[in-house]
């Protein structure tokens, strides 16, 4: 049984259409259930756009079944994802999660389902991820990094059960165990600061709490060596994003092969991530932090 796809949408018709059409090109789409959570409008000025998205959602075909949940009130991205993932994973046992600004490879669903099946009973693995940073060196076909991520991912009930919604508990544990430097990828990116900002309600990010929850439990996430996901929300159209191309990737045109990798953190890949973060900070982050802050998924409400 394939994992259901959960898609979170709001008010961007073009982006939503691109996300759905990319999924429809996957060979497993006809066998997959698509469950959509459409967040309610923040105000009357947004209602027209939200209604346009909802009209389109009702026309979607190409999946085993399409379920649509139209929320009357605006929950915001963080609460929508937390509530939606919890609902679906408790019912189905596993889940594939996408937002309305993620365009996937035609091999995305195959990769996600094969990996979810392969590591289903491995308690060391908390999730499967489809996006990988546009680093300048070759990565292994698949590899593990400690923590969790947020652009095209999947997990099981046992994995999502480890999610801790209280950011203050996560922050205190990181500090008490002197893990902030490691959490920040050897001080190459200020993830701890993001968790502090989440606690101060400056950002509503669910993703920084997901990462911290997995990290503190020494849980691993599987990454592909070539990205199966492109984030097209960096064009400045989103509620929580402004224009940037720092994280743009080329989607792989060939399948990702699952298996044959030791279930432990790949220290070489981790160092490659660190270098990418440092390069990004030096050439972009320090000068345009305000813009980048609204692009990287860990900042998103």
C-alpha atoms as a PDB file:
ATOM      1  CA  UNK A   1       0.000   0.000   0.000  1.00  0.00           C
ATOM      2  CA  UNK A   2       1.476   3.334  -1.072  1.00  0.00           C
ATOM      3  CA  UNK A   3       1.810   6.215   1.364  1.00  0.00           C
ATOM      4  CA  UNK A   4      -0.839   8.935   0.907  1.00  0.00           C
ATOM      5  CA  UNK A   5       0.340  12.281  -0.420  1.00  0.00           C
ATOM      6  CA  UNK A   6      -0.654  15.228   1.757  1.00  0.00           C
ATOM      7  CA  UNK A   7      -0.608  18.613   0.044  1.00  0.00           C
ATOM      8  CA  UNK A   8      -0.997  21.935   1.883  1.00  0.00           C
ATOM      9  CA  UNK A   9      -2.337  24.832  -0.158  1.00  0.00           C
ATOM     10  CA  UNK A  10      -3.343  28.430   0.375  1.00  0.00           C
ATOM     11  CA  UNK A  11      -3.801  31.175  -2.214  1.00  0.00           C
ATOM     12  CA  UNK A  12      -1.363  30.560  -5.102  1.00  0.00           C
ATOM     13  CA  UNK A  13      -3.207  28.967  -7.990  1.00  0.00           C
ATOM     14  CA  UNK A  14      -0.265  28.841 -10.415  1.00  0.00           C
ATOM     15  CA  UNK A  15       2.083  27.251  -7.906  1.00  0.00           C
ATOM     16  CA  UNK A  16      -0.530  24.762  -6.751  1.00  0.00           C
ATOM     17  CA  UNK A  17      -1.219  23.751 -10.337  1.00  0.00           C
ATOM     18  CA  UNK A  18       2.501  23.250 -11.008  1.00  0.00           C
ATOM     19  CA  UNK A  19       2.842  21.096  -7.894  1.00  0.00           C
ATOM     20  CA  UNK A  20      -0.123  18.904  -8.830  1.00  0.00           C
ATOM     21  CA  UNK A  21       0.855  18.579 -12.501  1.00  0.00           C
ATOM     22  CA  UNK A  22       4.355  17.465 -11.521  1.00  0.00           C
ATOM     23  CA  UNK A  23       2.857  14.805  -9.247  1.00  0.00           C
ATOM     24  CA  UNK A  24       0.559  13.648 -12.047  1.00  0.00           C
ATOM     25  CA  UNK A  25       3.631  12.880 -14.178  1.00  0.00           C
ATOM     26  CA  UNK A  26       4.791  10.340 -11.599  1.00  0.00           C
ATOM     27  CA  UNK A  27       4.094   6.741 -12.616  1.00  0.00           C
ATOM     28  CA  UNK A  28       2.676   5.982  -9.148  1.00  0.00           C
ATOM     29  CA  UNK A  29       0.194   8.852  -9.100  1.00  0.00           C
ATOM     30  CA  UNK A  30      -2.729   6.687 -10.260  1.00  0.00           C
ATOM     31  CA  UNK A  31      -2.093   4.325  -7.353  1.00  0.00           C
ATOM     32  CA  UNK A  32      -1.696   7.081  -4.748  1.00  0.00           C
ATOM     33  CA  UNK A  33      -4.246   8.898  -2.627  1.00  0.00           C
ATOM     34  CA  UNK A  34      -3.963  12.697  -2.627  1.00  0.00           C
ATOM     35  CA  UNK A  35      -5.208  14.455   0.511  1.00  0.00           C
ATOM     36  CA  UNK A  36      -5.341  18.240   0.323  1.00  0.00           C
ATOM     37  CA  UNK A  37      -5.648  20.726   3.172  1.00  0.00           C
ATOM     38  CA  UNK A  38      -6.727  24.144   1.904  1.00  0.00           C
ATOM     39  CA  UNK A  39      -6.122  26.797   4.562  1.00  0.00           C
ATOM     40  CA  UNK A  40      -8.771  29.456   5.086  1.00  0.00           C
ATOM     41  CA  UNK A  41      -8.217  33.107   4.085  1.00  0.00           C
ATOM     42  CA  UNK A  42      -6.553  35.471   6.549  1.00  0.00           C
ATOM     43  CA  UNK A  43      -8.883  38.261   5.453  1.00  0.00           C
ATOM     44  CA  UNK A  44     -11.558  39.030   2.882  1.00  0.00           C
ATOM     45  CA  UNK A  45      -8.957  40.431   0.493  1.00  0.00           C
ATOM     46  CA  UNK A  46      -7.420  36.963   0.147  1.00  0.00           C
ATOM     47  CA  UNK A  47     -10.699  35.065  -0.180  1.00  0.00           C
ATOM     48  CA  UNK A  48     -10.910  35.446  -3.985  1.00  0.00           C
ATOM     49  CA  UNK A  49      -7.492  33.817  -4.417  1.00  0.00           C
ATOM     50  CA  UNK A  50      -8.256  31.044  -1.950  1.00  0.00           C
ATOM     51  CA  UNK A  51     -11.571  30.340  -3.709  1.00  0.00           C
ATOM     52  CA  UNK A  52      -9.783  30.180  -7.075  1.00  0.00           C
ATOM     53  CA  UNK A  53      -7.406  27.554  -5.694  1.00  0.00           C
ATOM     54  CA  UNK A  54     -10.318  25.586  -4.267  1.00  0.00           C
ATOM     55  CA  UNK A  55     -12.170  25.574  -7.572  1.00  0.00           C
ATOM     56  CA  UNK A  56      -9.069  24.130  -9.220  1.00  0.00           C
ATOM     57  CA  UNK A  57      -8.632  21.508  -6.499  1.00  0.00           C
ATOM     58  CA  UNK A  58     -12.072  20.123  -7.286  1.00  0.00           C
ATOM     59  CA  UNK A  59     -10.974  19.422 -10.886  1.00  0.00           C
ATOM     60  CA  UNK A  60      -7.905  17.335 -10.020  1.00  0.00           C
ATOM     61  CA  UNK A  61      -7.753  13.822 -11.448  1.00  0.00           C
ATOM     62  CA  UNK A  62      -5.004  11.281 -12.045  1.00  0.00           C
ATOM     63  CA  UNK A  63      -4.880   9.862  -8.527  1.00  0.00           C
ATOM     64  CA  UNK A  64      -6.462   6.836  -6.891  1.00  0.00           C
ATOM     65  CA  UNK A  65      -8.587   9.179  -4.794  1.00  0.00           C
ATOM     66  CA  UNK A  66      -8.585  12.891  -4.010  1.00  0.00           C
ATOM     67  CA  UNK A  67      -9.789  14.175  -0.637  1.00  0.00           C
ATOM     68  CA  UNK A  68     -10.054  17.907   0.032  1.00  0.00           C
ATOM     69  CA  UNK A  69     -10.342  19.553   3.440  1.00  0.00           C
ATOM     70  CA  UNK A  70     -11.376  23.197   3.133  1.00  0.00           C
ATOM     71  CA  UNK A  71     -10.580  24.969   6.389  1.00  0.00           C
ATOM     72  CA  UNK A  72     -13.020  27.738   7.270  1.00  0.00           C
ATOM     73  CA  UNK A  73     -10.519  29.734   9.296  1.00  0.00           C
ATOM     74  CA  UNK A  74      -6.870  30.503   8.670  1.00  0.00           C
ATOM     75  CA  UNK A  75      -4.643  28.224  10.722  1.00  0.00           C
ATOM     76  CA  UNK A  76      -1.362  29.335   9.228  1.00  0.00           C
ATOM     77  CA  UNK A  77       1.172  26.979   7.691  1.00  0.00           C
ATOM     78  CA  UNK A  78       2.653  25.615  10.923  1.00  0.00           C
ATOM     79  CA  UNK A  79      -0.609  24.583  12.584  1.00  0.00           C
ATOM     80  CA  UNK A  80      -2.034  23.353   9.273  1.00  0.00           C
ATOM     81  CA  UNK A  81       0.914  21.023   8.744  1.00  0.00           C
ATOM     82  CA  UNK A  82       1.088  19.790  12.331  1.00  0.00           C
ATOM     83  CA  UNK A  83      -2.650  19.058  12.475  1.00  0.00           C
ATOM     84  CA  UNK A  84      -2.863  17.672   8.942  1.00  0.00           C
ATOM     85  CA  UNK A  85       0.143  15.363   9.172  1.00  0.00           C
ATOM     86  CA  UNK A  86      -1.024  14.100  12.555  1.00  0.00           C
ATOM     87  CA  UNK A  87      -4.498  13.316  11.227  1.00  0.00           C
ATOM     88  CA  UNK A  88      -3.295  11.467   8.139  1.00  0.00           C
ATOM     89  CA  UNK A  89      -0.358   9.557   9.613  1.00  0.00           C
ATOM     90  CA  UNK A  90      -2.513   8.321  12.486  1.00  0.00           C
ATOM     91  CA  UNK A  91      -4.993   6.926   9.968  1.00  0.00           C
ATOM     92  CA  UNK A  92      -2.641   5.554   7.318  1.00  0.00           C
ATOM     93  CA  UNK A  93       0.560   4.825   9.242  1.00  0.00           C
ATOM     94  CA  UNK A  94       2.794   6.736   6.817  1.00  0.00           C
ATOM     95  CA  UNK A  95       2.644   9.966   4.831  1.00  0.00           C
ATOM     96  CA  UNK A  96       4.335  11.951   2.063  1.00  0.00           C
ATOM     97  CA  UNK A  97       4.181  15.706   2.679  1.00  0.00           C
ATOM     98  CA  UNK A  98       4.284  18.539   0.131  1.00  0.00           C
ATOM     99  CA  UNK A  99       3.501  22.239   0.161  1.00  0.00           C
ATOM    100  CA  UNK A 100       2.020  24.139  -2.757  1.00  0.00           C
ATOM    101  CA  UNK A 101       5.343  25.587  -3.928  1.00  0.00           C
ATOM    102  CA  UNK A 102       7.263  22.347  -4.443  1.00  0.00           C
ATOM    103  CA  UNK A 103       7.719  20.847  -7.906  1.00  0.00           C
ATOM    104  CA  UNK A 104       8.758  17.204  -7.915  1.00  0.00           C
ATOM    105  CA  UNK A 105      10.625  14.863 -10.232  1.00  0.00           C
ATOM    106  CA  UNK A 106       8.682  12.193 -12.080  1.00  0.00           C
ATOM    107  CA  UNK A 107      10.592   9.720  -9.883  1.00  0.00           C
ATOM    108  CA  UNK A 108       9.682  11.419  -6.576  1.00  0.00           C
ATOM    109  CA  UNK A 109       6.832   9.119  -5.554  1.00  0.00           C
ATOM    110  CA  UNK A 110       8.792   5.987  -6.440  1.00  0.00           C
ATOM    111  CA  UNK A 111      11.772   7.157  -4.365  1.00  0.00           C
ATOM    112  CA  UNK A 112       9.609   8.129  -1.412  1.00  0.00           C
ATOM    113  CA  UNK A 113       7.578   4.918  -1.360  1.00  0.00           C
ATOM    114  CA  UNK A 114      10.561   2.625  -1.871  1.00  0.00           C
ATOM    115  CA  UNK A 115      12.469   4.345   0.919  1.00  0.00           C
ATOM    116  CA  UNK A 116       9.460   4.427   3.257  1.00  0.00           C
ATOM    117  CA  UNK A 117       9.080   0.705   2.687  1.00  0.00           C
ATOM    118  CA  UNK A 118      12.792  -0.071   3.057  1.00  0.00           C
ATOM    119  CA  UNK A 119      13.217   1.743   6.374  1.00  0.00           C
ATOM    120  CA  UNK A 120       9.728   1.244   7.765  1.00  0.00           C
ATOM    121  CA  UNK A 121      10.884  -0.870  10.694  1.00  0.00           C
ATOM    122  CA  UNK A 122      14.246   0.793  11.312  1.00  0.00           C
ATOM    123  CA  UNK A 123      13.872   2.866  14.466  1.00  0.00           C
ATOM    124  CA  UNK A 124      17.065   4.773  13.659  1.00  0.00           C
ATOM    125  CA  UNK A 125      15.401   6.473  10.691  1.00  0.00           C
ATOM    126  CA  UNK A 126      12.781   9.157  11.315  1.00  0.00           C
ATOM    127  CA  UNK A 127      12.067  10.389   7.780  1.00  0.00           C
ATOM    128  CA  UNK A 128      12.797  10.403   4.063  1.00  0.00           C
ATOM    129  CA  UNK A 129      13.617  13.650   2.264  1.00  0.00           C
ATOM    130  CA  UNK A 130      13.373  14.507  -1.431  1.00  0.00           C
ATOM    131  CA  UNK A 131      15.286  17.794  -1.660  1.00  0.00           C
ATOM    132  CA  UNK A 132      19.037  18.203  -1.342  1.00  0.00           C
ATOM    133  CA  UNK A 133      21.041  21.433  -1.393  1.00  0.00           C
ATOM    134  CA  UNK A 134      22.721  22.513  -4.657  1.00  0.00           C
ATOM    135  CA  UNK A 135      26.222  21.676  -3.483  1.00  0.00           C
ATOM    136  CA  UNK A 136      29.177  21.837  -5.876  1.00  0.00           C
ATOM    137  CA  UNK A 137      30.421  18.272  -5.356  1.00  0.00           C
ATOM    138  CA  UNK A 138      28.922  14.864  -6.011  1.00  0.00           C
ATOM    139  CA  UNK A 139      27.055  13.178  -3.198  1.00  0.00           C
ATOM    140  CA  UNK A 140      26.345   9.459  -2.703  1.00  0.00           C
ATOM    141  CA  UNK A 141      23.202   8.040  -4.312  1.00  0.00           C
ATOM    142  CA  UNK A 142      21.553   8.219  -0.883  1.00  0.00           C
ATOM    143  CA  UNK A 143      22.924   9.099   2.545  1.00  0.00           C
ATOM    144  CA  UNK A 144      21.822   9.861   6.095  1.00  0.00           C
ATOM    145  CA  UNK A 145      22.065  13.086   8.095  1.00  0.00           C
ATOM    146  CA  UNK A 146      20.960  13.448  11.711  1.00  0.00           C
ATOM    147  CA  UNK A 147      17.779  15.490  12.086  1.00  0.00           C
ATOM    148  CA  UNK A 148      14.820  16.076   9.796  1.00  0.00           C
ATOM    149  CA  UNK A 149      13.962  18.360   6.888  1.00  0.00           C
ATOM    150  CA  UNK A 150      10.959  19.990   5.265  1.00  0.00           C
ATOM    151  CA  UNK A 151      10.884  20.239   1.444  1.00  0.00           C
ATOM    152  CA  UNK A 152       9.199  17.097   0.137  1.00  0.00           C
ATOM    153  CA  UNK A 153       9.415  14.548   2.926  1.00  0.00           C
ATOM    154  CA  UNK A 154       7.811  11.453   4.326  1.00  0.00           C
ATOM    155  CA  UNK A 155       7.597   9.655   7.628  1.00  0.00           C
ATOM    156  CA  UNK A 156       5.744   6.970   9.577  1.00  0.00           C
ATOM    157  CA  UNK A 157       3.552   7.241  12.653  1.00  0.00           C
ATOM    158  CA  UNK A 158       6.447   6.091  14.827  1.00  0.00           C
ATOM    159  CA  UNK A 159       8.545   8.943  13.398  1.00  0.00           C
ATOM    160  CA  UNK A 160       5.926  11.678  13.716  1.00  0.00           C
ATOM    161  CA  UNK A 161       5.176  10.542  17.267  1.00  0.00           C
ATOM    162  CA  UNK A 162       8.631  11.933  18.163  1.00  0.00           C
ATOM    163  CA  UNK A 163       7.638  15.443  17.059  1.00  0.00           C
ATOM    164  CA  UNK A 164       7.707  17.875  19.981  1.00  0.00           C
ATOM    165  CA  UNK A 165       5.567  20.964  19.419  1.00  0.00           C
ATOM    166  CA  UNK A 166       6.900  22.828  22.473  1.00  0.00           C
ATOM    167  CA  UNK A 167       9.936  24.691  21.182  1.00  0.00           C
ATOM    168  CA  UNK A 168      10.977  25.799  24.670  1.00  0.00           C
ATOM    169  CA  UNK A 169      11.490  22.183  25.744  1.00  0.00           C
ATOM    170  CA  UNK A 170      13.612  21.551  22.658  1.00  0.00           C
ATOM    171  CA  UNK A 171      15.696  24.681  23.164  1.00  0.00           C
ATOM    172  CA  UNK A 172      16.344  23.932  26.829  1.00  0.00           C
ATOM    173  CA  UNK A 173      17.447  20.400  26.049  1.00  0.00           C
ATOM    174  CA  UNK A 174      19.811  21.590  23.324  1.00  0.00           C
ATOM    175  CA  UNK A 175      21.415  24.037  25.739  1.00  0.00           C
ATOM    176  CA  UNK A 176      21.521  21.668  28.713  1.00  0.00           C
ATOM    177  CA  UNK A 177      23.225  18.994  26.618  1.00  0.00           C
ATOM    178  CA  UNK A 178      25.613  21.529  25.013  1.00  0.00           C
ATOM    179  CA  UNK A 179      24.452  20.545  21.532  1.00  0.00           C
ATOM    180  CA  UNK A 180      23.848  23.949  19.953  1.00  0.00           C
ATOM    181  CA  UNK A 181      27.114  23.948  17.990  1.00  0.00           C
ATOM    182  CA  UNK A 182      26.386  20.566  16.433  1.00  0.00           C
ATOM    183  CA  UNK A 183      22.728  21.558  15.896  1.00  0.00           C
ATOM    184  CA  UNK A 184      24.016  24.579  13.943  1.00  0.00           C
ATOM    185  CA  UNK A 185      26.175  22.359  11.716  1.00  0.00           C
ATOM    186  CA  UNK A 186      29.397  23.393  13.431  1.00  0.00           C
ATOM    187  CA  UNK A 187      28.166  26.988  13.679  1.00  0.00           C
ATOM    188  CA  UNK A 188      27.710  27.235   9.921  1.00  0.00           C
ATOM    189  CA  UNK A 189      23.998  28.139  10.086  1.00  0.00           C
ATOM    190  CA  UNK A 190      22.014  29.681  12.989  1.00  0.00           C
ATOM    191  CA  UNK A 191      19.387  26.995  13.521  1.00  0.00           C
ATOM    192  CA  UNK A 192      19.465  27.567  17.287  1.00  0.00           C
ATOM    193  CA  UNK A 193      18.644  31.211  16.692  1.00  0.00           C
ATOM    194  CA  UNK A 194      15.667  30.143  14.614  1.00  0.00           C
ATOM    195  CA  UNK A 195      14.429  27.996  17.471  1.00  0.00           C
ATOM    196  CA  UNK A 196      14.840  30.960  19.821  1.00  0.00           C
ATOM    197  CA  UNK A 197      12.838  33.137  17.400  1.00  0.00           C
ATOM    198  CA  UNK A 198      10.151  30.458  17.245  1.00  0.00           C
ATOM    199  CA  UNK A 199       9.925  30.500  21.029  1.00  0.00           C
ATOM    200  CA  UNK A 200       9.691  34.290  20.960  1.00  0.00           C
ATOM    201  CA  UNK A 201       6.872  33.954  18.389  1.00  0.00           C
ATOM    202  CA  UNK A 202       8.854  35.932  15.811  1.00  0.00           C
ATOM    203  CA  UNK A 203       8.427  32.969  13.464  1.00  0.00           C
ATOM    204  CA  UNK A 204       5.876  30.172  13.695  1.00  0.00           C
ATOM    205  CA  UNK A 205       8.065  27.518  12.111  1.00  0.00           C
ATOM    206  CA  UNK A 206       6.999  23.903  12.502  1.00  0.00           C
ATOM    207  CA  UNK A 207      10.100  22.809  10.584  1.00  0.00           C
ATOM    208  CA  UNK A 208      12.701  23.975  13.112  1.00  0.00           C
ATOM    209  CA  UNK A 209      10.812  22.015  15.774  1.00  0.00           C
ATOM    210  CA  UNK A 210      10.706  18.937  13.524  1.00  0.00           C
ATOM    211  CA  UNK A 211      14.468  19.189  12.958  1.00  0.00           C
ATOM    212  CA  UNK A 212      15.169  19.680  16.672  1.00  0.00           C
ATOM    213  CA  UNK A 213      12.847  16.838  17.690  1.00  0.00           C
ATOM    214  CA  UNK A 214      14.666  14.414  15.401  1.00  0.00           C
ATOM    215  CA  UNK A 215      18.139  15.731  16.240  1.00  0.00           C
ATOM    216  CA  UNK A 216      17.685  15.363  19.996  1.00  0.00           C
ATOM    217  CA  UNK A 217      16.527  11.761  19.549  1.00  0.00           C
ATOM    218  CA  UNK A 218      19.592  10.963  17.383  1.00  0.00           C
ATOM    219  CA  UNK A 219      17.264  10.151  14.506  1.00  0.00           C
ATOM    220  CA  UNK A 220      18.394  10.001  10.878  1.00  0.00           C
ATOM    221  CA  UNK A 221      16.845  11.293   7.661  1.00  0.00           C
ATOM    222  CA  UNK A 222      17.594   9.757   4.268  1.00  0.00           C
ATOM    223  CA  UNK A 223      18.580  12.231   1.540  1.00  0.00           C
ATOM    224  CA  UNK A 224      18.983  11.650  -2.208  1.00  0.00           C
ATOM    225  CA  UNK A 225      22.283  12.483  -3.851  1.00  0.00           C
ATOM    226  CA  UNK A 226      20.380  14.386  -6.558  1.00  0.00           C
ATOM    227  CA  UNK A 227      17.374  16.504  -5.772  1.00  0.00           C
ATOM    228  CA  UNK A 228      13.897  15.240  -6.592  1.00  0.00           C
ATOM    229  CA  UNK A 229      12.297  18.509  -5.477  1.00  0.00           C
ATOM    230  CA  UNK A 230      12.511  22.104  -6.681  1.00  0.00           C
ATOM    231  CA  UNK A 231      11.187  24.934  -4.526  1.00  0.00           C
ATOM    232  CA  UNK A 232       9.457  27.386  -6.862  1.00  0.00           C
ATOM    233  CA  UNK A 233       8.192  29.526  -3.987  1.00  0.00           C
ATOM    234  CA  UNK A 234      11.417  31.525  -3.901  1.00  0.00           C
ATOM    235  CA  UNK A 235      10.008  33.884  -6.532  1.00  0.00           C
ATOM    236  CA  UNK A 236       8.633  36.270  -3.915  1.00  0.00           C
ATOM    237  CA  UNK A 237       4.957  35.387  -4.375  1.00  0.00           C
ATOM    238  CA  UNK A 238       4.450  33.573  -1.094  1.00  0.00           C
ATOM    239  CA  UNK A 239       3.089  34.894   2.178  1.00  0.00           C
ATOM    240  CA  UNK A 240       6.362  34.033   3.887  1.00  0.00           C
ATOM    241  CA  UNK A 241       8.870  34.340   1.044  1.00  0.00           C
ATOM    242  CA  UNK A 242      10.779  36.841  -1.024  1.00  0.00           C
ATOM    243  CA  UNK A 243      12.790  36.394  -4.197  1.00  0.00           C
ATOM    244  CA  UNK A 244      16.002  34.362  -3.955  1.00  0.00           C
ATOM    245  CA  UNK A 245      17.776  31.674  -5.960  1.00  0.00           C
ATOM    246  CA  UNK A 246      20.256  30.486  -3.336  1.00  0.00           C
ATOM    247  CA  UNK A 247      18.506  27.144  -2.897  1.00  0.00           C
ATOM    248  CA  UNK A 248      17.552  26.518  -6.536  1.00  0.00           C
ATOM    249  CA  UNK A 249      18.430  23.060  -7.876  1.00  0.00           C
ATOM    250  CA  UNK A 250      18.157  21.029 -11.050  1.00  0.00           C
ATOM    251  CA  UNK A 251      15.720  18.188 -10.565  1.00  0.00           C
ATOM    252  CA  UNK A 252      17.226  14.807 -11.360  1.00  0.00           C
ATOM    253  CA  UNK A 253      16.150  13.172 -14.628  1.00  0.00           C
ATOM    254  CA  UNK A 254      17.064   9.682 -13.458  1.00  0.00           C
ATOM    255  CA  UNK A 255      15.693   7.543 -10.600  1.00  0.00           C
ATOM    256  CA  UNK A 256      17.338   7.399  -7.193  1.00  0.00           C
ATOM    257  CA  UNK A 257      18.269   3.865  -6.175  1.00  0.00           C
ATOM    258  CA  UNK A 258      17.399   2.819  -2.619  1.00  0.00           C
ATOM    259  CA  UNK A 259      19.542   0.536  -0.474  1.00  0.00           C
ATOM    260  CA  UNK A 260      23.178  -0.384  -0.043  1.00  0.00           C
ATOM    261  CA  UNK A 261      23.944   2.460   2.375  1.00  0.00           C
ATOM    262  CA  UNK A 262      24.949   2.072   6.010  1.00  0.00           C
ATOM    263  CA  UNK A 263      22.354   3.425   8.426  1.00  0.00           C
ATOM    264  CA  UNK A 264      24.457   6.066  10.151  1.00  0.00           C
ATOM    265  CA  UNK A 265      25.197   9.723   9.588  1.00  0.00           C
ATOM    266  CA  UNK A 266      27.431  10.372   6.593  1.00  0.00           C
ATOM    267  CA  UNK A 267      30.105  12.643   8.074  1.00  0.00           C
ATOM    268  CA  UNK A 268      31.436  13.619   4.640  1.00  0.00           C
ATOM    269  CA  UNK A 269      28.002  14.714   3.467  1.00  0.00           C
ATOM    270  CA  UNK A 270      27.525  16.631   6.698  1.00  0.00           C
ATOM    271  CA  UNK A 271      30.763  18.530   6.064  1.00  0.00           C
ATOM    272  CA  UNK A 272      29.569  19.290   2.535  1.00  0.00           C
ATOM    273  CA  UNK A 273      26.356  20.753   3.992  1.00  0.00           C
ATOM    274  CA  UNK A 274      28.422  22.846   6.415  1.00  0.00           C
ATOM    275  CA  UNK A 275      30.513  24.258   3.586  1.00  0.00           C
ATOM    276  CA  UNK A 276      27.376  25.076   1.610  1.00  0.00           C
ATOM    277  CA  UNK A 277      25.890  26.929   4.588  1.00  0.00           C
ATOM    278  CA  UNK A 278      29.109  28.895   5.159  1.00  0.00           C
ATOM    279  CA  UNK A 279      29.397  29.855   1.497  1.00  0.00           C
ATOM    280  CA  UNK A 280      25.780  30.925   1.481  1.00  0.00           C
ATOM    281  CA  UNK A 281      26.258  33.020   4.601  1.00  0.00           C
ATOM    282  CA  UNK A 282      29.357  34.768   3.268  1.00  0.00           C
ATOM    283  CA  UNK A 283      28.048  35.542  -0.198  1.00  0.00           C
ATOM    284  CA  UNK A 284      24.358  36.024   0.464  1.00  0.00           C
ATOM    285  CA  UNK A 285      23.133  35.484   4.003  1.00  0.00           C
ATOM    286  CA  UNK A 286      24.971  38.349   5.681  1.00  0.00           C
ATOM    287  CA  UNK A 287      23.935  40.883   3.048  1.00  0.00           C
ATOM    288  CA  UNK A 288      20.362  39.773   2.512  1.00  0.00           C
ATOM    289  CA  UNK A 289      19.356  38.035   5.728  1.00  0.00           C
ATOM    290  CA  UNK A 290      15.931  39.618   5.690  1.00  0.00           C
ATOM    291  CA  UNK A 291      15.203  38.114   2.268  1.00  0.00           C
ATOM    292  CA  UNK A 292      16.727  34.712   2.965  1.00  0.00           C
ATOM    293  CA  UNK A 293      14.912  34.535   6.272  1.00  0.00           C
ATOM    294  CA  UNK A 294      11.610  34.278   4.435  1.00  0.00           C
ATOM    295  CA  UNK A 295      12.766  31.681   1.916  1.00  0.00           C
ATOM    296  CA  UNK A 296      14.398  28.888   3.894  1.00  0.00           C
ATOM    297  CA  UNK A 297      11.672  26.501   5.018  1.00  0.00           C
ATOM    298  CA  UNK A 298      12.788  26.533   8.647  1.00  0.00           C
ATOM    299  CA  UNK A 299      11.668  30.154   8.924  1.00  0.00           C
ATOM    300  CA  UNK A 300       8.186  29.602   7.554  1.00  0.00           C
ATOM    301  CA  UNK A 301       5.155  30.018   9.737  1.00  0.00           C
END
